[in-house]
Amino acid sequence: MGHSLLCMMGFFLLSTVIYGNAEAKPKAELRADRTAVPVGGSVTLTCSVNPSSSSSSWKYYWYRDGKSYEALTNGQISVSEGGLYSCRGGRGEPVYYTEDSESVRIDTTVSNRPVVTLYPNWSEIYRGETITVRCEIHGGDTEWDYEWETNSSIKPPNQTEYRIRSASSSNSGNYRCKGRMKSSQNKTTEWSDSVTLTVSDNKPRPVLTVSPSWLSTGASVTLNCQVEHPSAGWSFYWYKAVPDLSEKSSSYELLPDGSGTAQDSYIIHGQTHTAGCVCRAGRGDPEYHTDHSQPKFVWSADVHSAASLTVSPDRVQHFTSDSVSLTCEGNFTEWRVRKFSEDGRLSDCRRMTGSTCNINTSESDTGVYWCESGSGEFSSAVNITVQNDGNGPVLVSPVHPVTEGASVSLSCSLKTQKILSNVFFYHNDKLIQNDTRGELKISAVSKSDEGFYKCQYSGRESAQSWMSVKVTGRSSSPVWLMVGLVCGVSLIIILLLLLYRCRQSKYSCFTRSIQSESHSPGSSTNHGVNQNETHVYDSLQHGTADVYESVTQVKNRNGSDEYDDITSSLIEFKDLRTKMDIAPKKYLKRAKHTYMKQHNSFVYYRERKQHNTRNKLLCLHRRGIMEGAINRKDCRF
C-alpha cells in the first residue's frame, strides 16, 4: 500500500515538471547600443533567447514597425533606419517560436541642431522673477514636437518654450531639448547642449555708496548703487530717507529724476544739510525689484536754524566712562539721536530723555551723531571719538566748524588734568608747535587752517580730529565765479556792439558830400575866407529846421593832413528862413552874428587822433558860410 502511494506521488511530480516546462514559453530579449541613428551612422541591435546554452540552435526573426524585416542565424544586426524594432527566436521543424521581445524605438537623427536659450539671459535669477526657457530649431519649415530633459524637480511641458512666471529654487537645473518631426515621428534632432538655470531664494539688496560723506561748500554729492550682478540689465531708483519716528524707521521719497535711471550713479547738486539716501534696482517685464539698500548719509557740519545738535562737553574727543550729553534743538516736539558707527552700523540712542541723549562713553560709542525730528528735519552732524587708552591724552577741539576770521584754542588733556605745558601740536601730521606752551592758539582762522589735528605729550599721542572752517560772506564756488565771469564778458561785448552800431547809424546819415562854394554858381567869394582849409557840406535835409547831413574837413589851414577826413555829426539850425526870406539883406548880417552866439546854432564834432589833437569847432549856416560873411576865425573858441 505504501509503495503504491509513493509511486503515484513520483509520477505526479514528473508530470508537473514535464508539462510545466512545456507551457513556460521562452521570451526573446532585444537590446540596442543607442536609441537614435546618428547622421551617416547606424545602430546595433542584439536579440537573445534564454537559456544561452542552447542559443546556437536558435534562428532570429526581426520585425520593423510590425512587419517582417529579416531572418538571421546571427542574433545581431545593424540598422540605419528609424522605426519600432522587435525580434523572436525559432528552432526545430516544425519551427518552434519564442515570445516576441519588447519593442525598441530607433530614431533617425536629422542635421537640424536645437539650441536652448534663456530669456532674459541672466546668469542668476532671483526668487519671484519671470524667466522663459526656449528651444529653438533652425533650418527649413518643418513643424516639430519638442521634448525636454532636465534634472530639476519640475519638468517642462513638451512645448517650444517653458515660461516660469515666479521662479524658485525648484526650477534650478540643467535644461536640454530635442525636436521630433510631426510628419515623421521616427526623425528627431540630436539633444541640444545643456543650459544651466540658477534660481536664488535670497532677494538681492544693492549696496549704496556716497561720495563725499561730509559736505563742503559748492560740492556735489555722487551716489553709486551696486547690485551683485551689475551687468544684468538693472535700472536704478534713488530716494531720500524721511525719518518716521512713530515706526522707528524711515520712509522713502523719490529724488528728482530718480526713477528708473540706466546709470548706476546719481549726482545731487546744491545739498547743504545732512540727509539720508537709499537706492534699489529693478529689471524684467513685469519689473522685479530688489530690496531697498541700507540708508547712507551725507553729513553737514554747518549748524542751521531748523534743527541743531549741541554736545556737552563741547569737544570731539572723550575718555571712556565720560558723561556726554547730545541735545537736539529746534521747533519740534519729537526727536531721535542717531549714530553711524565705525563698523558701518546705524543705531538710535538708547537713553533718550526728551530731546537729550545721554551717553556713558565706551569705545563702541565712537561715530557720527545727528538729530532727526518728527517732521523729517536733520540737524548738523558731529564726530565723537572715545579714547580707549586710559593713560593717553585727548585733543580738546571744537565740535562744530569754526567761522573764518574767529579765534580758536586747541589744548591737550589727560583724564585727571589739563596739560599746561610742553605739548606738541600737529596739523595734518606736520609738527606746527613744539615749545613750552600748552595751547595752540589761532587768532584769525582761515581756510588753510582746516584739517586734522592731534597733540602729543610725554611720548603719547592723542587721536586726530578734523577741525572744519566755515567760510562766510563770500562764495567759494568755482561754478558761480565762472558764471559771473562769462556774464561780465558777455555784457562788455554787447555794449561794444551797441556802441559800434550807434556810430555806424550816426555816420550813415551823412555820407553824401555837398558841394562847396567853389562848385556853386556865384560863390567865388567863398575862397577868400581861408585858402588853406576847405569844407565839403552836404545838401539840406527837408523839414522846418535847417539841417545839413554832413560836413567834411578836407585840410587844415597849415596845409597839413592831420585832420583829413573828419566828418561832423548832424548840424541843425533854428528855422529863421521866414525872416531871411522876407528881408535877406537886412537880417543876413544879424542872423550870422546871432547864430554865432546861440548854443543851439552850433554843432561841434570832437575827433580824437593819435596825438590827442585839440577839438575843432565847425560852424555852419545855409547861407552864412557860403556867402563868405563869417570868417573861420570867428568859429574858434
Foldseek 3Di string as FASTA:
>chain_A
DVVVVVVVVVVVVVVCVVVVVVVPFWEKAKDKPDQEAEDVGKIKIFIAIPPNVCLQQKKKWKDFQRHTDDIGSHRMDIDQAWTWIKMWIWHDVVIDIGHIYHIGTYAYADPWAKAWAKVVRDPAAEFFAKIKIFIDTDDDPFDWFKDKDWPAPDGAPRDRMGIDRGDDQSPWTWMWMKTATPVDRRYIHDIHDIDTYGYHHDFWEWAKDKPPQEDDAFDKIKIFTGTPDRVSAKFKWKWWWFDAVVVRGTDTDTDVVRPGHRHRMDIGGPDAAKTKMKMWIWDDVVIDIGDIHDIGMRAYLDFDAAKAKQKPVFFAEEEAQDKMKIFMDHPAFAKWKWWQWPVGDIDTQPADDRRMGIDRDDQRRFTKMWMAGNRRDIGGIWTHGYDHDLAAKAKGFGGGAAEFFAKGKIFIAHPVGGDAFQKWKDFPNHTDDGGTGGMDIDHGDDQVSWGWMWMDDPRHIHDIDTHHYDYPDDHPHVVVVVVVVVVVVVVVVVVVVVVVVVVVVQVVQQPDWAQALVVDPPQPCLCVQAVQKDKTWADFDDDQWGKTSKIFIDGDRVNDCPRHGDIFTIATAHRPVVVCVVPVVVCVLVVVVVLLPDPNSFGFDADQDPVRDDGFTDGDDPVCSSNVVDHRVSRDD
